[in-house]
Amino acid sequence: MLNLYDTEAVKAIIFDILVENQKLKKQVANAQAMSDMWFKDYQAQRERADKAEARVAELERQIQQLTVGQEGGKDNDHNE
C-alpha cells in the first residue's frame, strides 16, 4: 500500500505514471501513422488495380472488334 505521507514514494509513482503515459502516447502515434500509411498504400494499389482493369476491358473490346472484323472478312472471302 502506498503511504501518501512518503513524498519520495509518491513522486516515484507519479513519475512512473508519467513515463507510462508518454510510452502509450508514442505507441498510439505510431499505430496511427502505420494505419494512415496502410490506408494510403491501399488507396494507391486500388487505383492501380482499377486502371489495370479498365485497360484489360479496353483490350478485350479491341480483341472482340478485331475478331468480329476477321470473321466478317473470312465470310466475304468465303462467299467469293
Protein backbone atom coordinates (compact mmCIF):
# COMPACT_ATOMS: atom_id res chain seq x y z
CA MET A 1 0.00 0.00 0.00
CA LEU A 2 1.21 3.47 -0.84
CA ASN A 3 1.99 5.76 2.04
CA LEU A 4 0.77 9.16 0.88
CA TYR A 5 2.92 10.86 3.52
CA ASP A 6 6.09 9.45 1.91
CA THR A 7 6.74 12.17 -0.67
CA GLU A 8 9.55 10.27 -2.38
CA ALA A 9 7.29 7.24 -2.94
CA VAL A 10 4.50 9.47 -4.27
CA LYS A 11 6.97 11.23 -6.58
CA ALA A 12 8.25 7.87 -7.83
CA ILE A 13 4.73 6.62 -8.56
CA ILE A 14 3.77 9.83 -10.35
CA PHE A 15 6.99 9.68 -12.37
CA ASP A 16 6.25 6.06 -13.35
CA ILE A 17 2.74 7.04 -14.41
CA LEU A 18 4.05 9.95 -16.50
CA VAL A 19 6.65 7.72 -18.18
CA GLU A 20 4.00 5.08 -18.93
CA ASN A 21 1.65 7.73 -20.36
CA GLN A 22 4.45 9.02 -22.59
CA LYS A 23 5.13 5.48 -23.87
CA LEU A 24 1.44 4.93 -24.55
CA LYS A 25 1.19 8.22 -26.45
CA LYS A 26 4.12 7.19 -28.64
CA GLN A 27 2.55 3.78 -29.27
CA VAL A 28 -0.76 5.39 -30.26
CA ALA A 29 1.02 7.85 -32.56
CA ASN A 30 2.98 5.00 -34.19
CA ALA A 31 -0.16 2.90 -34.61
CA GLN A 32 -1.99 5.86 -36.18
CA ALA A 33 0.91 6.54 -38.54
CA MET A 34 1.02 2.89 -39.59
CA SER A 35 -2.74 2.87 -40.12
CA ASP A 36 -2.57 6.03 -42.22
CA MET A 37 0.33 4.64 -44.25
CA TRP A 38 -1.51 1.35 -44.82
CA PHE A 39 -4.66 3.15 -45.95
CA LYS A 40 -2.75 5.41 -48.36
CA ASP A 41 -0.97 2.36 -49.78
CA TYR A 42 -4.33 0.60 -50.11
CA GLN A 43 -5.78 3.57 -51.99
CA ALA A 44 -2.78 3.70 -54.36
CA GLN A 45 -2.98 -0.05 -55.03
CA ARG A 46 -6.73 0.16 -55.54
CA GLU A 47 -6.26 2.97 -58.07
CA ARG A 48 -3.64 0.93 -59.93
CA ALA A 49 -5.94 -2.09 -59.97
CA ASP A 50 -8.85 -0.02 -61.28
CA LYS A 51 -6.68 1.38 -64.08
CA ALA A 52 -5.42 -2.09 -64.93
CA GLU A 53 -8.97 -3.47 -65.04
CA ALA A 54 -10.06 -0.62 -67.31
CA ARG A 55 -7.10 -1.32 -69.61
CA VAL A 56 -7.94 -5.03 -69.71
CA ALA A 57 -11.56 -4.23 -70.57
CA GLU A 58 -10.39 -1.91 -73.37
CA LEU A 59 -8.06 -4.56 -74.77
CA GLU A 60 -10.85 -7.15 -74.62
CA ARG A 61 -13.09 -4.79 -76.61
CA GLN A 62 -10.35 -4.31 -79.18
CA ILE A 63 -9.84 -8.07 -79.46
CA GLN A 64 -13.60 -8.52 -79.87
CA GLN A 65 -13.67 -5.91 -82.64
CA LEU A 66 -10.69 -7.49 -84.40
CA THR A 67 -12.21 -10.95 -84.10
CA VAL A 68 -15.54 -9.77 -85.47
CA GLY A 69 -13.70 -7.96 -88.28
CA GLN A 70 -11.71 -11.07 -89.20
CA GLU A 71 -14.78 -13.27 -89.11
CA GLY A 72 -16.58 -10.81 -91.39
CA GLY A 73 -13.60 -10.79 -93.72
CA LYS A 74 -13.50 -14.59 -93.82
CA ASP A 75 -17.16 -14.71 -94.65
CA ASN A 76 -16.60 -12.27 -97.52
CA ASP A 77 -13.62 -14.27 -98.83
CA HIS A 78 -15.55 -17.48 -98.46
CA ASN A 79 -18.51 -16.15 -100.45
CA GLU A 80 -16.37 -15.20 -103.48
